Amino acid sequence: GESLEECVRREVREEVGIEIKNVEYFGSQPWPFPNSLMI
């Protein structure tokens, strides 16, 4: 139920406690450890 941009902001807030802005897409990579798609 979460968008990618919402996930970016939530993960940053949870892991290091800061707020961010100007979130922009960079690229993606399939990551088979074990079955991820890194965005």
PDB file of all heavy atoms in Angstrom:
ATOM      1  N   GLY A   1       0.791  -1.230   0.000  1.00  0.00           N
ATOM      2  CA  GLY A   1       0.000   0.000   0.000  1.00  0.00           C
ATOM      3  C   GLY A   1       0.817   1.272   0.000  1.00  0.00           C
ATOM      4  O   GLY A   1       0.263   2.361   0.205  1.00  0.00           O
ATOM      5  N   GLU A   2       2.111   1.177  -0.267  1.00  0.00           N
ATOM      6  CA  GLU A   2       3.007   2.326  -0.176  1.00  0.00           C
ATOM      7  C   GLU A   2       3.582   2.637  -1.552  1.00  0.00           C
ATOM      8  O   GLU A   2       3.980   1.725  -2.290  1.00  0.00           O
ATOM      9  CB  GLU A   2       4.136   1.992   0.801  1.00  0.00           C
ATOM     10  CG  GLU A   2       5.112   3.096   1.086  1.00  0.00           C
ATOM     11  CD  GLU A   2       6.130   2.678   2.137  1.00  0.00           C
ATOM     12  OE1 GLU A   2       6.748   1.602   1.985  1.00  0.00           O
ATOM     13  OE2 GLU A   2       6.305   3.419   3.118  1.00  0.00           O
ATOM     14  N   SER A   3       3.662   3.917  -1.915  1.00  0.00           N
ATOM     15  CA  SER A   3       4.321   4.299  -3.156  1.00  0.00           C
ATOM     16  C   SER A   3       5.832   4.282  -2.951  1.00  0.00           C
ATOM     17  O   SER A   3       6.330   4.270  -1.812  1.00  0.00           O
ATOM     18  CB  SER A   3       3.876   5.693  -3.597  1.00  0.00           C
ATOM     19  OG  SER A   3       4.445   6.688  -2.764  1.00  0.00           O
ATOM     20  N   LEU A   4       6.564   4.300  -4.047  1.00  0.00           N
ATOM     21  CA  LEU A   4       8.028   4.300  -3.945  1.00  0.00           C
ATOM     22  C   LEU A   4       8.528   5.550  -3.229  1.00  0.00           C
ATOM     23  O   LEU A   4       9.418   5.483  -2.377  1.00  0.00           O
ATOM     24  CB  LEU A   4       8.643   4.203  -5.345  1.00  0.00           C
ATOM     25  CG  LEU A   4       8.363   2.916  -6.120  1.00  0.00           C
ATOM     26  CD1 LEU A   4       8.914   3.008  -7.535  1.00  0.00           C
ATOM     27  CD2 LEU A   4       8.956   1.705  -5.399  1.00  0.00           C
ATOM     28  N   GLU A   5       7.950   6.697  -3.572  1.00  0.00           N
ATOM     29  CA  GLU A   5       8.393   7.946  -2.951  1.00  0.00           C
ATOM     30  C   GLU A   5       8.070   7.973  -1.454  1.00  0.00           C
ATOM     31  O   GLU A   5       8.864   8.463  -0.638  1.00  0.00           O
ATOM     32  CB  GLU A   5       7.732   9.140  -3.647  1.00  0.00           C
ATOM     33  CG  GLU A   5       8.188   9.364  -5.075  1.00  0.00           C
ATOM     34  CD  GLU A   5       7.507   8.427  -6.085  1.00  0.00           C
ATOM     35  OE1 GLU A   5       6.599   7.665  -5.668  1.00  0.00           O
ATOM     36  OE2 GLU A   5       7.885   8.457  -7.263  1.00  0.00           O
ATOM     37  N   GLU A   6       6.916   7.437  -1.091  1.00  0.00           N
ATOM     38  CA  GLU A   6       6.577   7.342   0.332  1.00  0.00           C
ATOM     39  C   GLU A   6       7.551   6.428   1.052  1.00  0.00           C
ATOM     40  O   GLU A   6       7.951   6.706   2.194  1.00  0.00           O
ATOM     41  CB  GLU A   6       5.150   6.817   0.484  1.00  0.00           C
ATOM     42  CG  GLU A   6       4.080   7.815   0.092  1.00  0.00           C
ATOM     43  CD  GLU A   6       2.693   7.185  -0.004  1.00  0.00           C
ATOM     44  OE1 GLU A   6       2.585   5.940  -0.127  1.00  0.00           O
ATOM     45  OE2 GLU A   6       1.701   7.941   0.033  1.00  0.00           O
ATOM     46  N   CYS A   7       7.940   5.353   0.394  1.00  0.00           N
ATOM     47  CA  CYS A   7       8.898   4.428   1.003  1.00  0.00           C
ATOM     48  C   CYS A   7      10.250   5.103   1.221  1.00  0.00           C
ATOM     49  O   CYS A   7      10.877   4.917   2.270  1.00  0.00           O
ATOM     50  CB  CYS A   7       9.061   3.193   0.110  1.00  0.00           C
ATOM     51  SG  CYS A   7      10.214   1.967   0.768  1.00  0.00           S
ATOM     52  N   VAL A   8      10.701   5.877   0.243  1.00  0.00           N
ATOM     53  CA  VAL A   8      11.975   6.588   0.384  1.00  0.00           C
ATOM     54  C   VAL A   8      11.953   7.470   1.631  1.00  0.00           C
ATOM     55  O   VAL A   8      12.859   7.422   2.478  1.00  0.00           O
ATOM     56  CB  VAL A   8      12.268   7.445  -0.873  1.00  0.00           C
ATOM     57  CG1 VAL A   8      13.481   8.343  -0.630  1.00  0.00           C
ATOM     58  CG2 VAL A   8      12.507   6.561  -2.087  1.00  0.00           C
ATOM     59  N   ARG A   9      10.919   8.273   1.778  1.00  0.00           N
ATOM     60  CA  ARG A   9      10.843   9.195   2.912  1.00  0.00           C
ATOM     61  C   ARG A   9      10.726   8.444   4.244  1.00  0.00           C
ATOM     62  O   ARG A   9      11.345   8.825   5.247  1.00  0.00           O
ATOM     63  CB  ARG A   9       9.661  10.151   2.731  1.00  0.00           C
ATOM     64  CG  ARG A   9       9.836  11.091   1.535  1.00  0.00           C
ATOM     65  CD  ARG A   9       8.690  12.094   1.440  1.00  0.00           C
ATOM     66  NE  ARG A   9       8.915  13.056   0.373  1.00  0.00           N
ATOM     67  CZ  ARG A   9       8.523  12.889  -0.884  1.00  0.00           C
ATOM     68  NH1 ARG A   9       7.856  11.788  -1.226  1.00  0.00           N
ATOM     69  NH2 ARG A   9       8.778  13.805  -1.804  1.00  0.00           N
ATOM     70  N   ARG A  10       9.915   7.378   4.257  1.00  0.00           N
ATOM     71  CA  ARG A  10       9.739   6.614   5.496  1.00  0.00           C
ATOM     72  C   ARG A  10      11.036   5.932   5.921  1.00  0.00           C
ATOM     73  O   ARG A  10      11.431   5.987   7.105  1.00  0.00           O
ATOM     74  CB  ARG A  10       8.646   5.559   5.310  1.00  0.00           C
ATOM     75  CG  ARG A  10       8.490   4.626   6.539  1.00  0.00           C
ATOM     76  CD  ARG A  10       7.488   3.519   6.296  1.00  0.00           C
ATOM     77  NE  ARG A  10       7.805   2.716   5.123  1.00  0.00           N
ATOM     78  CZ  ARG A  10       8.745   1.755   5.114  1.00  0.00           C
ATOM     79  NH1 ARG A  10       9.483   1.518   6.177  1.00  0.00           N
ATOM     80  NH2 ARG A  10       8.958   1.046   4.009  1.00  0.00           N
ATOM     81  N   GLU A  11      11.713   5.276   4.987  1.00  0.00           N
ATOM     82  CA  GLU A  11      12.947   4.566   5.331  1.00  0.00           C
ATOM     83  C   GLU A  11      14.006   5.525   5.862  1.00  0.00           C
ATOM     84  O   GLU A  11      14.696   5.222   6.831  1.00  0.00           O
ATOM     85  CB  GLU A  11      13.479   3.804   4.117  1.00  0.00           C
ATOM     86  CG  GLU A  11      12.739   2.517   3.800  1.00  0.00           C
ATOM     87  CD  GLU A  11      12.997   1.425   4.830  1.00  0.00           C
ATOM     88  OE1 GLU A  11      13.988   1.523   5.578  1.00  0.00           O
ATOM     89  OE2 GLU A  11      12.203   0.469   4.890  1.00  0.00           O
ATOM     90  N   VAL A  12      14.135   6.689   5.225  1.00  0.00           N
ATOM     91  CA  VAL A  12      15.119   7.675   5.687  1.00  0.00           C
ATOM     92  C   VAL A  12      14.761   8.163   7.086  1.00  0.00           C
ATOM     93  O   VAL A  12      15.616   8.253   7.981  1.00  0.00           O
ATOM     94  CB  VAL A  12      15.193   8.849   4.690  1.00  0.00           C
ATOM     95  CG1 VAL A  12      16.067   9.978   5.267  1.00  0.00           C
ATOM     96  CG2 VAL A  12      15.746   8.376   3.349  1.00  0.00           C
ATOM     97  N   ARG A  13      13.480   8.442   7.293  1.00  0.00           N
ATOM     98  CA  ARG A  13      13.026   8.910   8.604  1.00  0.00           C
ATOM     99  C   ARG A  13      13.264   7.847   9.678  1.00  0.00           C
ATOM    100  O   ARG A  13      13.723   8.148  10.786  1.00  0.00           O
ATOM    101  CB  ARG A  13      11.547   9.273   8.528  1.00  0.00           C
ATOM    102  CG  ARG A  13      11.001   9.977   9.769  1.00  0.00           C
ATOM    103  CD  ARG A  13       9.512  10.262   9.615  1.00  0.00           C
ATOM    104  NE  ARG A  13       9.217  11.006   8.401  1.00  0.00           N
ATOM    105  CZ  ARG A  13       8.493  10.523   7.396  1.00  0.00           C
ATOM    106  NH1 ARG A  13       7.977   9.300   7.462  1.00  0.00           N
ATOM    107  NH2 ARG A  13       8.269  11.255   6.323  1.00  0.00           N
ATOM    108  N   GLU A  14      12.963   6.588   9.361  1.00  0.00           N
ATOM    109  CA  GLU A  14      13.114   5.520  10.341  1.00  0.00           C
ATOM    110  C   GLU A  14      14.583   5.227  10.647  1.00  0.00           C
ATOM    111  O   GLU A  14      14.955   5.005  11.804  1.00  0.00           O
ATOM    112  CB  GLU A  14      12.447   4.234   9.825  1.00  0.00           C
ATOM    113  CG  GLU A  14      10.931   4.282   9.821  1.00  0.00           C
ATOM    114  CD  GLU A  14      10.311   3.007   9.264  1.00  0.00           C
ATOM    115  OE1 GLU A  14      11.066   2.133   8.770  1.00  0.00           O
ATOM    116  OE2 GLU A  14       9.076   2.887   9.315  1.00  0.00           O
ATOM    117  N   GLU A  15      15.423   5.222   9.627  1.00  0.00           N
ATOM    118  CA  GLU A  15      16.799   4.771   9.821  1.00  0.00           C
ATOM    119  C   GLU A  15      17.725   5.848  10.369  1.00  0.00           C
ATOM    120  O   GLU A  15      18.626   5.551  11.150  1.00  0.00           O
ATOM    121  CB  GLU A  15      17.359   4.219   8.507  1.00  0.00           C
ATOM    122  CG  GLU A  15      16.651   2.929   8.067  1.00  0.00           C
ATOM    123  CD  GLU A  15      17.344   2.246   6.909  1.00  0.00           C
ATOM    124  OE1 GLU A  15      18.314   2.817   6.365  1.00  0.00           O
ATOM    125  OE2 GLU A  15      16.919   1.127   6.551  1.00  0.00           O
ATOM    126  N   VAL A  16      17.513   7.113   9.962  1.00  0.00           N
ATOM    127  CA  VAL A  16      18.423   8.163  10.429  1.00  0.00           C
ATOM    128  C   VAL A  16      17.705   9.398  10.960  1.00  0.00           C
ATOM    129  O   VAL A  16      18.358  10.369  11.368  1.00  0.00           O
ATOM    130  CB  VAL A  16      19.410   8.583   9.309  1.00  0.00           C
ATOM    131  CG1 VAL A  16      20.364   7.434   8.991  1.00  0.00           C
ATOM    132  CG2 VAL A  16      18.661   9.037   8.066  1.00  0.00           C
ATOM    133  N   GLY A  17      16.378   9.426  10.966  1.00  0.00           N
ATOM    134  CA  GLY A  17      15.641  10.480  11.653  1.00  0.00           C
ATOM    135  C   GLY A  17      15.539  11.813  10.948  1.00  0.00           C
ATOM    136  O   GLY A  17      15.057  12.780  11.548  1.00  0.00           O
ATOM    137  N   ILE A  18      15.971  11.925   9.699  1.00  0.00           N
ATOM    138  CA  ILE A  18      15.916  13.218   9.023  1.00  0.00           C
ATOM    139  C   ILE A  18      14.793  13.247   7.985  1.00  0.00           C
ATOM    140  O   ILE A  18      14.265  12.208   7.599  1.00  0.00           O
ATOM    141  CB  ILE A  18      17.259  13.568   8.340  1.00  0.00           C
ATOM    142  CG1 ILE A  18      17.554  12.580   7.204  1.00  0.00           C
ATOM    143  CG2 ILE A  18      18.386  13.603   9.365  1.00  0.00           C
ATOM    144  CD1 ILE A  18      18.759  12.958   6.362  1.00  0.00           C
ATOM    145  N   GLU A  19      14.450  14.472   7.529  1.00  0.00           N
ATOM    146  CA  GLU A  19      13.471  14.660   6.471  1.00  0.00           C
ATOM    147  C   GLU A  19      14.212  15.043   5.184  1.00  0.00           C
ATOM    148  O   GLU A  19      15.264  15.718   5.231  1.00  0.00           O
ATOM    149  CB  GLU A  19      12.475  15.752   6.843  1.00  0.00           C
ATOM    150  CG  GLU A  19      11.676  15.465   8.107  1.00  0.00           C
ATOM    151  CD  GLU A  19      10.738  14.268   7.952  1.00  0.00           C
ATOM    152  OE1 GLU A  19      10.313  13.986   6.804  1.00  0.00           O
ATOM    153  OE2 GLU A  19      10.426  13.629   8.975  1.00  0.00           O
ATOM    154  N   ILE A  20      13.678  14.631   4.031  1.00  0.00           N
ATOM    155  CA  ILE A  20      14.317  14.908   2.754  1.00  0.00           C
ATOM    156  C   ILE A  20      13.331  15.585   1.808  1.00  0.00           C
ATOM    157  O   ILE A  20      12.124  15.614   2.051  1.00  0.00           O
ATOM    158  CB  ILE A  20      14.853  13.614   2.111  1.00  0.00           C
ATOM    159  CG1 ILE A  20      13.726  12.575   1.945  1.00  0.00           C
ATOM    160  CG2 ILE A  20      16.001  13.046   2.938  1.00  0.00           C
ATOM    161  CD1 ILE A  20      14.137  11.325   1.203  1.00  0.00           C
ATOM    162  N   LYS A  21      13.850  16.128   0.698  1.00  0.00           N
ATOM    163  CA  LYS A  21      13.021  16.782  -0.318  1.00  0.00           C
ATOM    164  C   LYS A  21      13.610  16.501  -1.699  1.00  0.00           C
ATOM    165  O   LYS A  21      14.708  15.955  -1.829  1.00  0.00           O
ATOM    166  CB  LYS A  21      12.959  18.287  -0.053  1.00  0.00           C
ATOM    167  CG  LYS A  21      14.319  18.980  -0.104  1.00  0.00           C
ATOM    168  CD  LYS A  21      14.203  20.457   0.251  1.00  0.00           C
ATOM    169  CE  LYS A  21      15.570  21.126   0.198  1.00  0.00           C
ATOM    170  NZ  LYS A  21      15.504  22.574   0.562  1.00  0.00           N
ATOM    171  N   ASN A  22      12.861  16.894  -2.729  1.00  0.00           N
ATOM    172  CA  ASN A  22      13.308  16.747  -4.121  1.00  0.00           C
ATOM    173  C   ASN A  22      13.754  15.321  -4.442  1.00  0.00           C
ATOM    174  O   ASN A  22      14.854  15.083  -4.959  1.00  0.00           O
ATOM    175  CB  ASN A  22      14.435  17.744  -4.429  1.00  0.00           C
ATOM    176  CG  ASN A  22      13.981  19.189  -4.291  1.00  0.00           C
ATOM    177  OD1 ASN A  22      12.807  19.510  -4.496  1.00  0.00           O
ATOM    178  ND2 ASN A  22      14.892  20.065  -3.910  1.00  0.00           N
ATOM    179  N   VAL A  23      12.886  14.377  -4.149  1.00  0.00           N
ATOM    180  CA  VAL A  23      13.161  12.968  -4.447  1.00  0.00           C
ATOM    181  C   VAL A  23      13.012  12.740  -5.950  1.00  0.00           C
ATOM    182  O   VAL A  23      11.969  13.038  -6.534  1.00  0.00           O
ATOM    183  CB  VAL A  23      12.194  12.056  -3.666  1.00  0.00           C
ATOM    184  CG1 VAL A  23      12.431  10.599  -4.024  1.00  0.00           C
ATOM    185  CG2 VAL A  23      12.358  12.275  -2.164  1.00  0.00           C
ATOM    186  N   GLU A  24      14.052  12.224  -6.581  1.00  0.00           N
ATOM    187  CA  GLU A  24      14.036  11.993  -8.025  1.00  0.00           C
ATOM    188  C   GLU A  24      14.521  10.586  -8.358  1.00  0.00           C
ATOM    189  O   GLU A  24      15.448  10.077  -7.720  1.00  0.00           O
ATOM    190  CB  GLU A  24      14.914  13.021  -8.747  1.00  0.00           C
ATOM    191  CG  GLU A  24      14.417  14.462  -8.633  1.00  0.00           C
ATOM    192  CD  GLU A  24      15.241  15.410  -9.473  1.00  0.00           C
ATOM    193  OE1 GLU A  24      16.174  14.941 -10.165  1.00  0.00           O
ATOM    194  OE2 GLU A  24      14.962  16.630  -9.436  1.00  0.00           O
ATOM    195  N   TYR A  25      13.902  10.003  -9.374  1.00  0.00           N
ATOM    196  CA  TYR A  25      14.267   8.655  -9.813  1.00  0.00           C
ATOM    197  C   TYR A  25      15.659   8.656 -10.441  1.00  0.00           C
ATOM    198  O   TYR A  25      16.020   9.564 -11.189  1.00  0.00           O
ATOM    199  CB  TYR A  25      13.242   8.148 -10.828  1.00  0.00           C
ATOM    200  CG  TYR A  25      13.577   6.805 -11.425  1.00  0.00           C
ATOM    201  CD1 TYR A  25      13.435   5.631 -10.688  1.00  0.00           C
ATOM    202  CD2 TYR A  25      14.030   6.704 -12.739  1.00  0.00           C
ATOM    203  CE1 TYR A  25      13.746   4.395 -11.241  1.00  0.00           C
ATOM    204  CE2 TYR A  25      14.339   5.476 -13.300  1.00  0.00           C
ATOM    205  CZ  TYR A  25      14.197   4.320 -12.547  1.00  0.00           C
ATOM    206  OH  TYR A  25      14.504   3.096 -13.102  1.00  0.00           O
ATOM    207  N   PHE A  26      16.454   7.626 -10.141  1.00  0.00           N
ATOM    208  CA  PHE A  26      17.821   7.509 -10.656  1.00  0.00           C
ATOM    209  C   PHE A  26      17.977   6.337 -11.617  1.00  0.00           C
ATOM    210  O   PHE A  26      18.533   6.453 -12.698  1.00  0.00           O
ATOM    211  CB  PHE A  26      18.789   7.349  -9.479  1.00  0.00           C
ATOM    212  CG  PHE A  26      20.219   7.114  -9.891  1.00  0.00           C
ATOM    213  CD1 PHE A  26      21.042   8.180 -10.204  1.00  0.00           C
ATOM    214  CD2 PHE A  26      20.745   5.822  -9.954  1.00  0.00           C
ATOM    215  CE1 PHE A  26      22.361   7.968 -10.584  1.00  0.00           C
ATOM    216  CE2 PHE A  26      22.064   5.603 -10.332  1.00  0.00           C
ATOM    217  CZ  PHE A  26      22.879   6.675 -10.651  1.00  0.00           C
ATOM    218  N   GLY A  27      17.489   5.169 -11.237  1.00  0.00           N
ATOM    219  CA  GLY A  27      17.641   3.971 -12.053  1.00  0.00           C
ATOM    220  C   GLY A  27      17.264   2.749 -11.236  1.00  0.00           C
ATOM    221  O   GLY A  27      16.918   2.851 -10.055  1.00  0.00           O
ATOM    222  N   SER A  28      17.343   1.583 -11.848  1.00  0.00           N
ATOM    223  CA  SER A  28      16.965   0.360 -11.139  1.00  0.00           C
ATOM    224  C   SER A  28      17.929  -0.763 -11.460  1.00  0.00           C
ATOM    225  O   SER A  28      18.682  -0.695 -12.443  1.00  0.00           O
ATOM    226  CB  SER A  28      15.531  -0.057 -11.489  1.00  0.00           C
ATOM    227  OG  SER A  28      15.439  -0.390 -12.862  1.00  0.00           O
ATOM    228  N   GLN A  29      17.894  -1.793 -10.640  1.00  0.00           N
ATOM    229  CA  GLN A  29      18.773  -2.942 -10.818  1.00  0.00           C
ATOM    230  C   GLN A  29      18.126  -4.194 -10.233  1.00  0.00           C
ATOM    231  O   GLN A  29      17.741  -4.204  -9.062  1.00  0.00           O
ATOM    232  CB  GLN A  29      20.115  -2.706 -10.120  1.00  0.00           C
ATOM    233  CG  GLN A  29      21.081  -3.880 -10.236  1.00  0.00           C
ATOM    234  CD  GLN A  29      22.355  -3.677  -9.428  1.00  0.00           C
ATOM    235  OE1 GLN A  29      22.343  -3.024  -8.380  1.00  0.00           O
ATOM    236  NE2 GLN A  29      23.453  -4.224  -9.909  1.00  0.00           N
ATOM    237  N   PRO A  30      17.993  -5.258 -11.029  1.00  0.00           N
ATOM    238  CA  PRO A  30      17.578  -6.533 -10.429  1.00  0.00           C
ATOM    239  C   PRO A  30      18.677  -7.012  -9.500  1.00  0.00           C
ATOM    240  O   PRO A  30      19.869  -6.938  -9.829  1.00  0.00           O
ATOM    241  CB  PRO A  30      17.420  -7.458 -11.650  1.00  0.00           C
ATOM    242  CG  PRO A  30      18.242  -6.838 -12.729  1.00  0.00           C
ATOM    243  CD  PRO A  30      18.230  -5.367 -12.479  1.00  0.00           C
ATOM    244  N   TRP A  31      18.292  -7.506  -8.346  1.00  0.00           N
ATOM    245  CA  TRP A  31      19.272  -7.859  -7.305  1.00  0.00           C
ATOM    246  C   TRP A  31      18.863  -9.213  -6.717  1.00  0.00           C
ATOM    247  O   TRP A  31      17.951  -9.281  -5.897  1.00  0.00           O
ATOM    248  CB  TRP A  31      19.290  -6.765  -6.240  1.00  0.00           C
ATOM    249  CG  TRP A  31      20.423  -6.838  -5.260  1.00  0.00           C
ATOM    250  CD1 TRP A  31      20.322  -7.016  -3.910  1.00  0.00           C
ATOM    251  CD2 TRP A  31      21.826  -6.706  -5.535  1.00  0.00           C
ATOM    252  NE1 TRP A  31      21.568  -7.005  -3.328  1.00  0.00           N
ATOM    253  CE2 TRP A  31      22.512  -6.811  -4.313  1.00  0.00           C
ATOM    254  CE3 TRP A  31      22.558  -6.515  -6.719  1.00  0.00           C
ATOM    255  CZ2 TRP A  31      23.903  -6.733  -4.222  1.00  0.00           C
ATOM    256  CZ3 TRP A  31      23.941  -6.430  -6.622  1.00  0.00           C
ATOM    257  CH2 TRP A  31      24.597  -6.541  -5.394  1.00  0.00           C
ATOM    258  N   PRO A  32      19.537 -10.284  -7.112  1.00  0.00           N
ATOM    259  CA  PRO A  32      19.088 -11.640  -6.766  1.00  0.00           C
ATOM    260  C   PRO A  32      19.528 -12.120  -5.393  1.00  0.00           C
ATOM    261  O   PRO A  32      19.955 -13.266  -5.236  1.00  0.00           O
ATOM    262  CB  PRO A  32      19.730 -12.481  -7.879  1.00  0.00           C
ATOM    263  CG  PRO A  32      21.022 -11.775  -8.159  1.00  0.00           C
ATOM    264  CD  PRO A  32      20.708 -10.305  -8.008  1.00  0.00           C
ATOM    265  N   PHE A  33      19.452 -11.274  -4.380  1.00  0.00           N
ATOM    266  CA  PHE A  33      19.889 -11.657  -3.029  1.00  0.00           C
ATOM    267  C   PHE A  33      18.798 -11.371  -2.003  1.00  0.00           C
ATOM    268  O   PHE A  33      18.907 -10.469  -1.190  1.00  0.00           O
ATOM    269  CB  PHE A  33      21.189 -10.912  -2.666  1.00  0.00           C
ATOM    270  CG  PHE A  33      22.312 -11.136  -3.634  1.00  0.00           C
ATOM    271  CD1 PHE A  33      22.733 -10.115  -4.463  1.00  0.00           C
ATOM    272  CD2 PHE A  33      22.928 -12.368  -3.739  1.00  0.00           C
ATOM    273  CE1 PHE A  33      23.762 -10.303  -5.359  1.00  0.00           C
ATOM    274  CE2 PHE A  33      23.967 -12.578  -4.637  1.00  0.00           C
ATOM    275  CZ  PHE A  33      24.386 -11.540  -5.444  1.00  0.00           C
ATOM    276  N   PRO A  34      17.676 -12.129  -1.986  1.00  0.00           N
ATOM    277  CA  PRO A  34      17.481 -13.273  -2.889  1.00  0.00           C
ATOM    278  C   PRO A  34      16.639 -12.942  -4.118  1.00  0.00           C
ATOM    279  O   PRO A  34      16.762 -13.600  -5.139  1.00  0.00           O
ATOM    280  CB  PRO A  34      16.742 -14.272  -2.007  1.00  0.00           C
ATOM    281  CG  PRO A  34      15.938 -13.425  -1.081  1.00  0.00           C
ATOM    282  CD  PRO A  34      16.742 -12.172  -0.832  1.00  0.00           C
ATOM    283  N   ASN A  35      15.744 -11.945  -4.050  1.00  0.00           N
ATOM    284  CA  ASN A  35      14.833 -11.736  -5.188  1.00  0.00           C
ATOM    285  C   ASN A  35      14.340 -10.290  -5.232  1.00  0.00           C
ATOM    286  O   ASN A  35      13.155 -10.035  -5.404  1.00  0.00           O
ATOM    287  CB  ASN A  35      13.630 -12.690  -5.098  1.00  0.00           C
ATOM    288  CG  ASN A  35      13.054 -12.767  -3.697  1.00  0.00           C
ATOM    289  OD1 ASN A  35      12.969 -11.767  -2.991  1.00  0.00           O
ATOM    290  ND2 ASN A  35      12.688 -13.958  -3.278  1.00  0.00           N
ATOM    291  N   SER A  36      15.254  -9.358  -5.101  1.00  0.00           N
ATOM    292  CA  SER A  36      14.877  -7.946  -5.006  1.00  0.00           C
ATOM    293  C   SER A  36      14.934  -7.244  -6.361  1.00  0.00           C
ATOM    294  O   SER A  36      15.629  -7.681  -7.279  1.00  0.00           O
ATOM    295  CB  SER A  36      15.798  -7.207  -4.029  1.00  0.00           C
ATOM    296  OG  SER A  36      15.742  -7.785  -2.745  1.00  0.00           O
ATOM    297  N   LEU A  37      14.197  -6.147  -6.446  1.00  0.00           N
ATOM    298  CA  LEU A  37      14.366  -5.171  -7.515  1.00  0.00           C
ATOM    299  C   LEU A  37      14.702  -3.863  -6.827  1.00  0.00           C
ATOM    300  O   LEU A  37      13.866  -3.293  -6.118  1.00  0.00           O
ATOM    301  CB  LEU A  37      13.090  -5.025  -8.342  1.00  0.00           C
ATOM    302  CG  LEU A  37      13.127  -3.910  -9.389  1.00  0.00           C
ATOM    303  CD1 LEU A  37      14.193  -4.185 -10.445  1.00  0.00           C
ATOM    304  CD2 LEU A  37      11.762  -3.725 -10.047  1.00  0.00           C
ATOM    305  N   MET A  38      15.947  -3.406  -6.994  1.00  0.00           N
ATOM    306  CA  MET A  38      16.392  -2.177  -6.350  1.00  0.00           C
ATOM    307  C   MET A  38      16.026  -0.991  -7.231  1.00  0.00           C
ATOM    308  O   MET A  38      16.387  -0.943  -8.408  1.00  0.00           O
ATOM    309  CB  MET A  38      17.904  -2.205  -6.127  1.00  0.00           C
ATOM    310  CG  MET A  38      18.402  -3.400  -5.335  1.00  0.00           C
ATOM    311  SD  MET A  38      17.683  -3.521  -3.684  1.00  0.00           S
ATOM    312  CE  MET A  38      18.258  -2.004  -2.925  1.00  0.00           C
ATOM    313  N   ILE A  39      15.307  -0.019  -6.656  1.00  0.00           N
ATOM    314  CA  ILE A  39      14.849   1.164  -7.382  1.00  0.00           C
ATOM    315  C   ILE A  39      15.534   2.375  -6.762  1.00  0.00           C
ATOM    316  O   ILE A  39      15.278   2.730  -5.609  1.00  0.00           O
ATOM    317  CB  ILE A  39      13.317   1.294  -7.311  1.00  0.00           C
ATOM    318  CG1 ILE A  39      12.673   0.018  -7.851  1.00  0.00           C
ATOM    319  CG2 ILE A  39      12.847   2.492  -8.108  1.00  0.00           C
ATOM    320  CD1 ILE A  39      11.458  -0.422  -7.114  1.00  0.00           C
TER     321      ILE A  39
END
